[in-house]
Amino acid sequence: MSASLQDVNYNDDGLVPAIAQEVTTGQVLMMAWMNAEALTATLETGRGTYWSRSRGQLWVKGETSGHTQQVQSVSLDCDGDTVLLKVEQTGPACHTGAQTCFTGRELS
């Protein structure tokens, strides 16, 4: 079943959460936010492009760090309110230098 940009359900701030997953291993790398412009740019360029809430602007993953994401596929969940990016990650995905943002912080 295919989806279109019209199927995306953005929140009241015009954003949708985006999960980046390594295409070869299935490892969840990070979560970031996308607005319509970021999602469109990701689809057009094949590079992970997100909306920085703190900076109030688009950012392309790896633009300054070199830790890029080549997007292999973009999917919506069943409600259209979360985007899944399957990516080829070059270098660490996390700004801390870790391979994934989901390491060592298990809640108990």
PDB file of N, CA and C in Angstrom:
ATOM      1  N   MET A   1       0.841  -1.172   0.000  1.00  0.00           N
ATOM      2  CA  MET A   1       0.000   0.000   0.000  1.00  0.00           C
ATOM      3  C   MET A   1       0.889   1.239   0.000  1.00  0.00           C
ATOM      4  N   SER A   2       0.665   2.136  -0.900  1.00  0.00           N
ATOM      5  CA  SER A   2       1.495   3.336  -0.973  1.00  0.00           C
ATOM      6  C   SER A   2       0.811   4.496  -0.271  1.00  0.00           C
ATOM      7  N   ALA A   3       1.614   5.467   0.089  1.00  0.00           N
ATOM      8  CA  ALA A   3       1.124   6.667   0.776  1.00  0.00           C
ATOM      9  C   ALA A   3       1.639   7.886   0.013  1.00  0.00           C
ATOM     10  N   SER A   4       1.043   9.029   0.295  1.00  0.00           N
ATOM     11  CA  SER A   4       1.494  10.277  -0.319  1.00  0.00           C
ATOM     12  C   SER A   4       1.715  11.321   0.774  1.00  0.00           C
ATOM     13  N   LEU A   5       2.277  12.437   0.400  1.00  0.00           N
ATOM     14  CA  LEU A   5       2.520  13.514   1.367  1.00  0.00           C
ATOM     15  C   LEU A   5       1.222  13.995   2.025  1.00  0.00           C
ATOM     16  N   GLN A   6       0.114  13.857   1.331  1.00  0.00           N
ATOM     17  CA  GLN A   6      -1.178  14.264   1.890  1.00  0.00           C
ATOM     18  C   GLN A   6      -1.625  13.345   3.027  1.00  0.00           C
ATOM     19  N   ASP A   7      -1.011  12.173   3.147  1.00  0.00           N
ATOM     20  CA  ASP A   7      -1.363  11.221   4.196  1.00  0.00           C
ATOM     21  C   ASP A   7      -0.641  11.488   5.517  1.00  0.00           C
ATOM     22  N   VAL A   8       0.297  12.425   5.522  1.00  0.00           N
ATOM     23  CA  VAL A   8       1.059  12.720   6.734  1.00  0.00           C
ATOM     24  C   VAL A   8       0.200  13.560   7.673  1.00  0.00           C
ATOM     25  N   ASN A   9       0.103  13.114   8.926  1.00  0.00           N
ATOM     26  CA  ASN A   9      -0.635  13.846   9.960  1.00  0.00           C
ATOM     27  C   ASN A   9       0.359  14.561  10.864  1.00  0.00           C
ATOM     28  N   TYR A  10       0.555  15.845  10.599  1.00  0.00           N
ATOM     29  CA  TYR A  10       1.468  16.659  11.396  1.00  0.00           C
ATOM     30  C   TYR A  10       0.780  17.070  12.696  1.00  0.00           C
ATOM     31  N   ASN A  11       1.580  17.332  13.740  1.00  0.00           N
ATOM     32  CA  ASN A  11       1.009  17.810  14.995  1.00  0.00           C
ATOM     33  C   ASN A  11       0.643  19.292  14.869  1.00  0.00           C
ATOM     34  N   ASP A  12       0.184  19.884  15.952  1.00  0.00           N
ATOM     35  CA  ASP A  12      -0.267  21.278  15.923  1.00  0.00           C
ATOM     36  C   ASP A  12       0.855  22.258  15.580  1.00  0.00           C
ATOM     37  N   ASP A  13       2.106  21.835  15.761  1.00  0.00           N
ATOM     38  CA  ASP A  13       3.250  22.677  15.407  1.00  0.00           C
ATOM     39  C   ASP A  13       3.717  22.443  13.972  1.00  0.00           C
ATOM     40  N   GLY A  14       2.985  21.599  13.234  1.00  0.00           N
ATOM     41  CA  GLY A  14       3.356  21.311  11.849  1.00  0.00           C
ATOM     42  C   GLY A  14       4.511  20.343  11.734  1.00  0.00           C
ATOM     43  N   LEU A  15       4.707  19.515  12.759  1.00  0.00           N
ATOM     44  CA  LEU A  15       5.834  18.581  12.785  1.00  0.00           C
ATOM     45  C   LEU A  15       5.350  17.140  12.906  1.00  0.00           C
ATOM     46  N   VAL A  16       6.200  16.231  12.446  1.00  0.00           N
ATOM     47  CA  VAL A  16       5.943  14.802  12.570  1.00  0.00           C
ATOM     48  C   VAL A  16       7.248  14.159  13.045  1.00  0.00           C
ATOM     49  N   PRO A  17       7.180  13.224  14.014  1.00  0.00           N
ATOM     50  CA  PRO A  17       8.402  12.539  14.425  1.00  0.00           C
ATOM     51  C   PRO A  17       8.915  11.629  13.320  1.00  0.00           C
ATOM     52  N   ALA A  18      10.236  11.581  13.196  1.00  0.00           N
ATOM     53  CA  ALA A  18      10.883  10.746  12.191  1.00  0.00           C
ATOM     54  C   ALA A  18      11.916   9.862  12.871  1.00  0.00           C
ATOM     55  N   ILE A  19      11.778   8.571  12.674  1.00  0.00           N
ATOM     56  CA  ILE A  19      12.714   7.598  13.223  1.00  0.00           C
ATOM     57  C   ILE A  19      13.670   7.179  12.109  1.00  0.00           C
ATOM     58  N   ALA A  20      14.974   7.251  12.381  1.00  0.00           N
ATOM     59  CA  ALA A  20      15.980   6.785  11.422  1.00  0.00           C
ATOM     60  C   ALA A  20      16.466   5.413  11.862  1.00  0.00           C
ATOM     61  N   GLN A  21      16.413   4.459  10.942  1.00  0.00           N
ATOM     62  CA  GLN A  21      16.803   3.081  11.204  1.00  0.00           C
ATOM     63  C   GLN A  21      17.848   2.664  10.180  1.00  0.00           C
ATOM     64  N   GLU A  22      18.920   2.031  10.648  1.00  0.00           N
ATOM     65  CA  GLU A  22      19.957   1.543   9.736  1.00  0.00           C
ATOM     66  C   GLU A  22      19.371   0.432   8.873  1.00  0.00           C
ATOM     67  N   VAL A  23      19.458   0.596   7.572  1.00  0.00           N
ATOM     68  CA  VAL A  23      18.808  -0.321   6.636  1.00  0.00           C
ATOM     69  C   VAL A  23      19.398  -1.726   6.678  1.00  0.00           C
ATOM     70  N   THR A  24      20.692  -1.848   6.912  1.00  0.00           N
ATOM     71  CA  THR A  24      21.306  -3.181   6.865  1.00  0.00           C
ATOM     72  C   THR A  24      21.158  -3.962   8.162  1.00  0.00           C
ATOM     73  N   THR A  25      21.168  -3.270   9.312  1.00  0.00           N
ATOM     74  CA  THR A  25      21.126  -3.961  10.607  1.00  0.00           C
ATOM     75  C   THR A  25      19.770  -3.884  11.295  1.00  0.00           C
ATOM     76  N   GLY A  26      18.958  -2.923  10.920  1.00  0.00           N
ATOM     77  CA  GLY A  26      17.687  -2.720  11.594  1.00  0.00           C
ATOM     78  C   GLY A  26      17.808  -1.920  12.884  1.00  0.00           C
ATOM     79  N   GLN A  27      19.020  -1.499  13.241  1.00  0.00           N
ATOM     80  CA  GLN A  27      19.236  -0.731  14.471  1.00  0.00           C
ATOM     81  C   GLN A  27      18.554   0.635  14.378  1.00  0.00           C
ATOM     82  N   VAL A  28      17.805   0.987  15.425  1.00  0.00           N
ATOM     83  CA  VAL A  28      17.201   2.315  15.494  1.00  0.00           C
ATOM     84  C   VAL A  28      18.308   3.291  15.868  1.00  0.00           C
ATOM     85  N   LEU A  29      18.495   4.308  15.036  1.00  0.00           N
ATOM     86  CA  LEU A  29      19.601   5.237  15.211  1.00  0.00           C
ATOM     87  C   LEU A  29      19.217   6.494  15.965  1.00  0.00           C
ATOM     88  N   MET A  30      18.113   7.099  15.601  1.00  0.00           N
ATOM     89  CA  MET A  30      17.757   8.395  16.186  1.00  0.00           C
ATOM     90  C   MET A  30      16.310   8.741  15.897  1.00  0.00           C
ATOM     91  N   MET A  31      15.821   9.730  16.600  1.00  0.00           N
ATOM     92  CA  MET A  31      14.516  10.319  16.339  1.00  0.00           C
ATOM     93  C   MET A  31      14.731  11.817  16.182  1.00  0.00           C
ATOM     94  N   ALA A  32      14.076  12.399  15.215  1.00  0.00           N
ATOM     95  CA  ALA A  32      14.125  13.844  15.005  1.00  0.00           C
ATOM     96  C   ALA A  32      12.758  14.273  14.487  1.00  0.00           C
ATOM     97  N   TRP A  33      12.605  15.548  14.274  1.00  0.00           N
ATOM     98  CA  TRP A  33      11.328  16.089  13.800  1.00  0.00           C
ATOM     99  C   TRP A  33      11.462  16.533  12.352  1.00  0.00           C
ATOM    100  N   MET A  34      10.376  16.400  11.619  1.00  0.00           N
ATOM    101  CA  MET A  34      10.306  16.894  10.237  1.00  0.00           C
ATOM    102  C   MET A  34       9.068  17.771  10.090  1.00  0.00           C
ATOM    103  N   ASN A  35       9.220  18.832   9.319  1.00  0.00           N
ATOM    104  CA  ASN A  35       8.044  19.554   8.837  1.00  0.00           C
ATOM    105  C   ASN A  35       7.864  19.163   7.372  1.00  0.00           C
ATOM    106  N   ALA A  36       6.884  19.728   6.724  1.00  0.00           N
ATOM    107  CA  ALA A  36       6.610  19.352   5.336  1.00  0.00           C
ATOM    108  C   ALA A  36       7.806  19.647   4.429  1.00  0.00           C
ATOM    109  N   GLU A  37       8.493  20.747   4.683  1.00  0.00           N
ATOM    110  CA  GLU A  37       9.646  21.114   3.864  1.00  0.00           C
ATOM    111  C   GLU A  37      10.786  20.104   4.035  1.00  0.00           C
ATOM    112  N   ALA A  38      11.030  19.678   5.268  1.00  0.00           N
ATOM    113  CA  ALA A  38      12.093  18.696   5.532  1.00  0.00           C
ATOM    114  C   ALA A  38      11.765  17.355   4.894  1.00  0.00           C
ATOM    115  N   LEU A  39      10.521  16.933   5.001  1.00  0.00           N
ATOM    116  CA  LEU A  39      10.122  15.663   4.416  1.00  0.00           C
ATOM    117  C   LEU A  39      10.242  15.710   2.892  1.00  0.00           C
ATOM    118  N   THR A  40       9.809  16.791   2.299  1.00  0.00           N
ATOM    119  CA  THR A  40       9.920  16.952   0.848  1.00  0.00           C
ATOM    120  C   THR A  40      11.381  16.952   0.419  1.00  0.00           C
ATOM    121  N   ALA A  41      12.231  17.666   1.154  1.00  0.00           N
ATOM    122  CA  ALA A  41      13.657  17.711   0.823  1.00  0.00           C
ATOM    123  C   ALA A  41      14.289  16.326   0.937  1.00  0.00           C
ATOM    124  N   THR A  42      13.902  15.563   1.960  1.00  0.00           N
ATOM    125  CA  THR A  42      14.417  14.209   2.133  1.00  0.00           C
ATOM    126  C   THR A  42      14.043  13.340   0.937  1.00  0.00           C
ATOM    127  N   LEU A  43      12.791  13.424   0.522  1.00  0.00           N
ATOM    128  CA  LEU A  43      12.328  12.634  -0.621  1.00  0.00           C
ATOM    129  C   LEU A  43      13.032  13.047  -1.910  1.00  0.00           C
ATOM    130  N   GLU A  44      13.267  14.330  -2.076  1.00  0.00           N
ATOM    131  CA  GLU A  44      13.874  14.833  -3.313  1.00  0.00           C
ATOM    132  C   GLU A  44      15.375  14.580  -3.388  1.00  0.00           C
ATOM    133  N   THR A  45      16.079  14.680  -2.255  1.00  0.00           N
ATOM    134  CA  THR A  45      17.542  14.594  -2.273  1.00  0.00           C
ATOM    135  C   THR A  45      18.082  13.240  -1.844  1.00  0.00           C
ATOM    136  N   GLY A  46      17.279  12.458  -1.115  1.00  0.00           N
ATOM    137  CA  GLY A  46      17.764  11.196  -0.578  1.00  0.00           C
ATOM    138  C   GLY A  46      18.689  11.361   0.606  1.00  0.00           C
ATOM    139  N   ARG A  47      18.737  12.543   1.177  1.00  0.00           N
ATOM    140  CA  ARG A  47      19.548  12.831   2.368  1.00  0.00           C
ATOM    141  C   ARG A  47      18.622  13.137   3.531  1.00  0.00           C
ATOM    142  N   GLY A  48      18.937  12.589   4.714  1.00  0.00           N
ATOM    143  CA  GLY A  48      18.118  12.839   5.898  1.00  0.00           C
ATOM    144  C   GLY A  48      18.095  14.321   6.235  1.00  0.00           C
ATOM    145  N   THR A  49      16.922  14.934   6.111  1.00  0.00           N
ATOM    146  CA  THR A  49      16.751  16.369   6.360  1.00  0.00           C
ATOM    147  C   THR A  49      15.665  16.536   7.406  1.00  0.00           C
ATOM    148  N   TYR A  50      15.952  17.337   8.421  1.00  0.00           N
ATOM    149  CA  TYR A  50      15.069  17.454   9.577  1.00  0.00           C
ATOM    150  C   TYR A  50      14.803  18.913   9.915  1.00  0.00           C
ATOM    151  N   TRP A  51      13.881  19.119  10.867  1.00  0.00           N
ATOM    152  CA  TRP A  51      13.577  20.453  11.367  1.00  0.00           C
ATOM    153  C   TRP A  51      14.162  20.576  12.765  1.00  0.00           C
ATOM    154  N   SER A  52      15.032  21.536  12.963  1.00  0.00           N
ATOM    155  CA  SER A  52      15.604  21.793  14.279  1.00  0.00           C
ATOM    156  C   SER A  52      14.679  22.732  15.040  1.00  0.00           C
ATOM    157  N   ARG A  53      14.064  22.217  16.089  1.00  0.00           N
ATOM    158  CA  ARG A  53      13.183  23.064  16.895  1.00  0.00           C
ATOM    159  C   ARG A  53      13.981  24.125  17.636  1.00  0.00           C
ATOM    160  N   SER A  54      15.182  23.796  18.082  1.00  0.00           N
ATOM    161  CA  SER A  54      15.978  24.763  18.840  1.00  0.00           C
ATOM    162  C   SER A  54      16.509  25.891  17.963  1.00  0.00           C
ATOM    163  N   ARG A  55      16.865  25.569  16.722  1.00  0.00           N
ATOM    164  CA  ARG A  55      17.397  26.591  15.807  1.00  0.00           C
ATOM    165  C   ARG A  55      16.339  27.208  14.910  1.00  0.00           C
ATOM    166  N   GLY A  56      15.178  26.538  14.829  1.00  0.00           N
ATOM    167  CA  GLY A  56      14.107  27.054  13.983  1.00  0.00           C
ATOM    168  C   GLY A  56      14.452  27.022  12.504  1.00  0.00           C
ATOM    169  N   GLN A  57      15.158  25.955  12.079  1.00  0.00           N
ATOM    170  CA  GLN A  57      15.541  25.858  10.670  1.00  0.00           C
ATOM    171  C   GLN A  57      15.775  24.409  10.288  1.00  0.00           C
ATOM    172  N   LEU A  58      15.825  24.164   8.980  1.00  0.00           N
ATOM    173  CA  LEU A  58      16.137  22.827   8.473  1.00  0.00           C
ATOM    174  C   LEU A  58      17.591  22.490   8.757  1.00  0.00           C
ATOM    175  N   TRP A  59      17.864  21.206   8.954  1.00  0.00           N
ATOM    176  CA  TRP A  59      19.251  20.742   9.015  1.00  0.00           C
ATOM    177  C   TRP A  59      19.358  19.407   8.305  1.00  0.00           C
ATOM    178  N   VAL A  60      20.417  19.280   7.535  1.00  0.00           N
ATOM    179  CA  VAL A  60      20.699  18.058   6.806  1.00  0.00           C
ATOM    180  C   VAL A  60      21.684  17.267   7.645  1.00  0.00           C
ATOM    181  N   LYS A  61      21.317  16.034   7.986  1.00  0.00           N
ATOM    182  CA  LYS A  61      22.183  15.193   8.821  1.00  0.00           C
ATOM    183  C   LYS A  61      23.547  15.055   8.159  1.00  0.00           C
ATOM    184  N   GLY A  62      24.595  15.390   8.894  1.00  0.00           N
ATOM    185  CA  GLY A  62      25.956  15.273   8.398  1.00  0.00           C
ATOM    186  C   GLY A  62      26.482  16.488   7.683  1.00  0.00           C
ATOM    187  N   GLU A  63      25.679  17.525   7.565  1.00  0.00           N
ATOM    188  CA  GLU A  63      26.101  18.721   6.839  1.00  0.00           C
ATOM    189  C   GLU A  63      27.383  19.324   7.437  1.00  0.00           C
ATOM    190  N   THR A  64      27.480  19.315   8.758  1.00  0.00           N
ATOM    191  CA  THR A  64      28.692  19.849   9.388  1.00  0.00           C
ATOM    192  C   THR A  64      29.597  18.755   9.925  1.00  0.00           C
ATOM    193  N   SER A  65      29.019  17.628  10.376  1.00  0.00           N
ATOM    194  CA  SER A  65      29.814  16.555  10.987  1.00  0.00           C
ATOM    195  C   SER A  65      30.389  15.567   9.981  1.00  0.00           C
ATOM    196  N   GLY A  66      29.753  15.467   8.821  1.00  0.00           N
ATOM    197  CA  GLY A  66      30.148  14.451   7.852  1.00  0.00           C
ATOM    198  C   GLY A  66      29.495  13.103   8.098  1.00  0.00           C
ATOM    199  N   HIS A  67      28.693  12.992   9.149  1.00  0.00           N
ATOM    200  CA  HIS A  67      28.006  11.742   9.502  1.00  0.00           C
ATOM    201  C   HIS A  67      26.653  11.719   8.805  1.00  0.00           C
ATOM    202  N   THR A  68      26.668  11.358   7.556  1.00  0.00           N
ATOM    203  CA  THR A  68      25.516  11.518   6.683  1.00  0.00           C
ATOM    204  C   THR A  68      24.552  10.339   6.730  1.00  0.00           C
ATOM    205  N   GLN A  69      23.362  10.590   6.241  1.00  0.00           N
ATOM    206  CA  GLN A  69      22.338   9.561   6.076  1.00  0.00           C
ATOM    207  C   GLN A  69      21.874   9.564   4.628  1.00  0.00           C
ATOM    208  N   GLN A  70      22.099   8.451   3.948  1.00  0.00           N
ATOM    209  CA  GLN A  70      21.551   8.255   2.612  1.00  0.00           C
ATOM    210  C   GLN A  70      20.255   7.470   2.794  1.00  0.00           C
ATOM    211  N   VAL A  71      19.155   8.081   2.446  1.00  0.00           N
ATOM    212  CA  VAL A  71      17.846   7.498   2.689  1.00  0.00           C
ATOM    213  C   VAL A  71      17.516   6.480   1.607  1.00  0.00           C
ATOM    214  N   GLN A  72      17.190   5.268   2.044  1.00  0.00           N
ATOM    215  CA  GLN A  72      16.837   4.181   1.135  1.00  0.00           C
ATOM    216  C   GLN A  72      15.323   4.054   0.962  1.00  0.00           C
ATOM    217  N   SER A  73      14.576   4.357   2.027  1.00  0.00           N
ATOM    218  CA  SER A  73      13.116   4.323   1.921  1.00  0.00           C
ATOM    219  C   SER A  73      12.506   5.212   2.998  1.00  0.00           C
ATOM    220  N   VAL A  74      11.295   5.678   2.718  1.00  0.00           N
ATOM    221  CA  VAL A  74      10.531   6.509   3.650  1.00  0.00           C
ATOM    222  C   VAL A  74       9.138   5.905   3.744  1.00  0.00           C
ATOM    223  N   SER A  75       8.718   5.607   4.980  1.00  0.00           N
ATOM    224  CA  SER A  75       7.405   4.999   5.199  1.00  0.00           C
ATOM    225  C   SER A  75       6.648   5.761   6.280  1.00  0.00           C
ATOM    226  N   LEU A  76       5.330   5.654   6.225  1.00  0.00           N
ATOM    227  CA  LEU A  76       4.466   6.195   7.277  1.00  0.00           C
ATOM    228  C   LEU A  76       3.929   5.051   8.109  1.00  0.00           C
ATOM    229  N   ASP A  77       3.688   5.316   9.391  1.00  0.00           N
ATOM    230  CA  ASP A  77       3.023   4.307  10.199  1.00  0.00           C
ATOM    231  C   ASP A  77       1.534   4.292   9.850  1.00  0.00           C
ATOM    232  N   CYS A  78       0.785   3.399  10.490  1.00  0.00           N
ATOM    233  CA  CYS A  78      -0.624   3.189  10.130  1.00  0.00           C
ATOM    234  C   CYS A  78      -1.493   4.424  10.334  1.00  0.00           C
ATOM    235  N   ASP A  79      -1.112   5.319  11.258  1.00  0.00           N
ATOM    236  CA  ASP A  79      -1.885   6.536  11.511  1.00  0.00           C
ATOM    237  C   ASP A  79      -1.377   7.738  10.721  1.00  0.00           C
ATOM    238  N   GLY A  80      -0.255   7.584  10.068  1.00  0.00           N
ATOM    239  CA  GLY A  80       0.328   8.688   9.306  1.00  0.00           C
ATOM    240  C   GLY A  80       0.966   9.747  10.179  1.00  0.00           C
ATOM    241  N   ASP A  81       1.204   9.409  11.469  1.00  0.00           N
ATOM    242  CA  ASP A  81       1.744  10.435  12.366  1.00  0.00           C
ATOM    243  C   ASP A  81       3.177  10.156  12.810  1.00  0.00           C
ATOM    244  N   THR A  82       3.841   9.225  12.162  1.00  0.00           N
ATOM    245  CA  THR A  82       5.263   8.967  12.390  1.00  0.00           C
ATOM    246  C   THR A  82       5.880   8.494  11.075  1.00  0.00           C
ATOM    247  N   VAL A  83       7.077   9.020  10.797  1.00  0.00           N
ATOM    248  CA  VAL A  83       7.808   8.667   9.581  1.00  0.00           C
ATOM    249  C   VAL A  83       8.959   7.734   9.963  1.00  0.00           C
ATOM    250  N   LEU A  84       9.170   6.709   9.166  1.00  0.00           N
ATOM    251  CA  LEU A  84      10.310   5.809   9.331  1.00  0.00           C
ATOM    252  C   LEU A  84      11.224   5.961   8.131  1.00  0.00           C
ATOM    253  N   LEU A  85      12.468   6.350   8.410  1.00  0.00           N
ATOM    254  CA  LEU A  85      13.484   6.457   7.374  1.00  0.00           C
ATOM    255  C   LEU A  85      14.429   5.269   7.516  1.00  0.00           C
ATOM    256  N   LYS A  86      14.593   4.490   6.466  1.00  0.00           N
ATOM    257  CA  LYS A  86      15.623   3.460   6.454  1.00  0.00           C
ATOM    258  C   LYS A  86      16.803   4.073   5.725  1.00  0.00           C
ATOM    259  N   VAL A  87      17.944   4.132   6.430  1.00  0.00           N
ATOM    260  CA  VAL A  87      19.088   4.899   5.945  1.00  0.00           C
ATOM    261  C   VAL A  87      20.366   4.077   5.958  1.00  0.00           C
ATOM    262  N   GLU A  88      21.301   4.507   5.126  1.00  0.00           N
ATOM    263  CA  GLU A  88      22.692   4.072   5.221  1.00  0.00           C
ATOM    264  C   GLU A  88      23.405   5.174   5.986  1.00  0.00           C
ATOM    265  N   GLN A  89      23.785   4.872   7.219  1.00  0.00           N
ATOM    266  CA  GLN A  89      24.420   5.857   8.095  1.00  0.00           C
ATOM    267  C   GLN A  89      25.923   5.810   7.916  1.00  0.00           C
ATOM    268  N   THR A  90      26.549   6.955   7.698  1.00  0.00           N
ATOM    269  CA  THR A  90      27.999   7.078   7.654  1.00  0.00           C
ATOM    270  C   THR A  90      28.435   7.750   8.943  1.00  0.00           C
ATOM    271  N   GLY A  91      29.222   7.058   9.747  1.00  0.00           N
ATOM    272  CA  GLY A  91      29.654   7.591  11.037  1.00  0.00           C
ATOM    273  C   GLY A  91      28.552   7.485  12.066  1.00  0.00           C
ATOM    274  N   PRO A  92      28.799   8.025  13.256  1.00  0.00           N
ATOM    275  CA  PRO A  92      27.812   7.953  14.327  1.00  0.00           C
ATOM    276  C   PRO A  92      26.549   8.741  13.985  1.00  0.00           C
ATOM    277  N   ALA A  93      25.411   8.256  14.485  1.00  0.00           N
ATOM    278  CA  ALA A  93      24.150   8.963  14.261  1.00  0.00           C
ATOM    279  C   ALA A  93      23.884   9.998  15.344  1.00  0.00           C
ATOM    280  N   CYS A  94      24.397   9.747  16.546  1.00  0.00           N
ATOM    281  CA  CYS A  94      24.098  10.622  17.684  1.00  0.00           C
ATOM    282  C   CYS A  94      25.086  11.784  17.777  1.00  0.00           C
ATOM    283  N   HIS A  95      24.600  12.932  18.217  1.00  0.00           N
ATOM    284  CA  HIS A  95      25.459  14.103  18.374  1.00  0.00           C
ATOM    285  C   HIS A  95      26.521  13.904  19.460  1.00  0.00           C
ATOM    286  N   THR A  96      26.351  12.867  20.316  1.00  0.00           N
ATOM    287  CA  THR A  96      27.333  12.572  21.357  1.00  0.00           C
ATOM    288  C   THR A  96      28.507  11.767  20.825  1.00  0.00           C
ATOM    289  N   GLY A  97      28.393  11.298  19.579  1.00  0.00           N
ATOM    290  CA  GLY A  97      29.426  10.472  18.986  1.00  0.00           C
ATOM    291  C   GLY A  97      29.120   8.987  19.057  1.00  0.00           C
ATOM    292  N   ALA A  98      27.987   8.630  19.673  1.00  0.00           N
ATOM    293  CA  ALA A  98      27.575   7.229  19.742  1.00  0.00           C
ATOM    294  C   ALA A  98      26.951   6.810  18.415  1.00  0.00           C
ATOM    295  N   GLN A  99      27.032   5.528  18.119  1.00  0.00           N
ATOM    296  CA  GLN A  99      26.447   5.018  16.883  1.00  0.00           C
ATOM    297  C   GLN A  99      24.948   5.275  16.822  1.00  0.00           C
ATOM    298  N   THR A 100      24.278   5.146  17.968  1.00  0.00           N
ATOM    299  CA  THR A 100      22.833   5.357  18.051  1.00  0.00           C
ATOM    300  C   THR A 100      22.532   6.255  19.247  1.00  0.00           C
ATOM    301  N   CYS A 101      21.435   6.954  19.193  1.00  0.00           N
ATOM    302  CA  CYS A 101      21.017   7.782  20.326  1.00  0.00           C
ATOM    303  C   CYS A 101      20.400   6.937  21.444  1.00  0.00           C
ATOM    304  N   PHE A 102      20.155   5.661  21.167  1.00  0.00           N
ATOM    305  CA  PHE A 102      19.477   4.785  22.123  1.00  0.00           C
ATOM    306  C   PHE A 102      20.459   3.774  22.710  1.00  0.00           C
ATOM    307  N   THR A 103      21.427   4.260  23.489  1.00  0.00           N
ATOM    308  CA  THR A 103      22.387   3.372  24.139  1.00  0.00           C
ATOM    309  C   THR A 103      22.516   3.719  25.618  1.00  0.00           C
ATOM    310  N   GLY A 104      22.469   2.686  26.445  1.00  0.00           N
ATOM    311  CA  GLY A 104      22.812   2.829  27.849  1.00  0.00           C
ATOM    312  C   GLY A 104      21.871   3.606  28.736  1.00  0.00           C
ATOM    313  N   ARG A 105      20.654   3.894  28.296  1.00  0.00           N
ATOM    314  CA  ARG A 105      19.755   4.680  29.135  1.00  0.00           C
ATOM    315  C   ARG A 105      18.417   3.958  29.313  1.00  0.00           C
ATOM    316  N   GLU A 106      18.510   2.679  29.634  1.00  0.00           N
ATOM    317  CA  GLU A 106      17.301   1.875  29.808  1.00  0.00           C
ATOM    318  C   GLU A 106      16.548   2.305  31.062  1.00  0.00           C
ATOM    319  N   LEU A 107      15.270   2.562  30.913  1.00  0.00           N
ATOM    320  CA  LEU A 107      14.443   2.953  32.054  1.00  0.00           C
ATOM    321  C   LEU A 107      14.073   1.735  32.867  1.00  0.00           C
ATOM    322  N   SER A 108      13.996   1.919  34.177  1.00  0.00           N
ATOM    323  CA  SER A 108      13.588   0.797  35.030  1.00  0.00           C
ATOM    324  C   SER A 108      12.517   1.237  36.010  1.00  0.00           C
TER     325      SER A 108
END
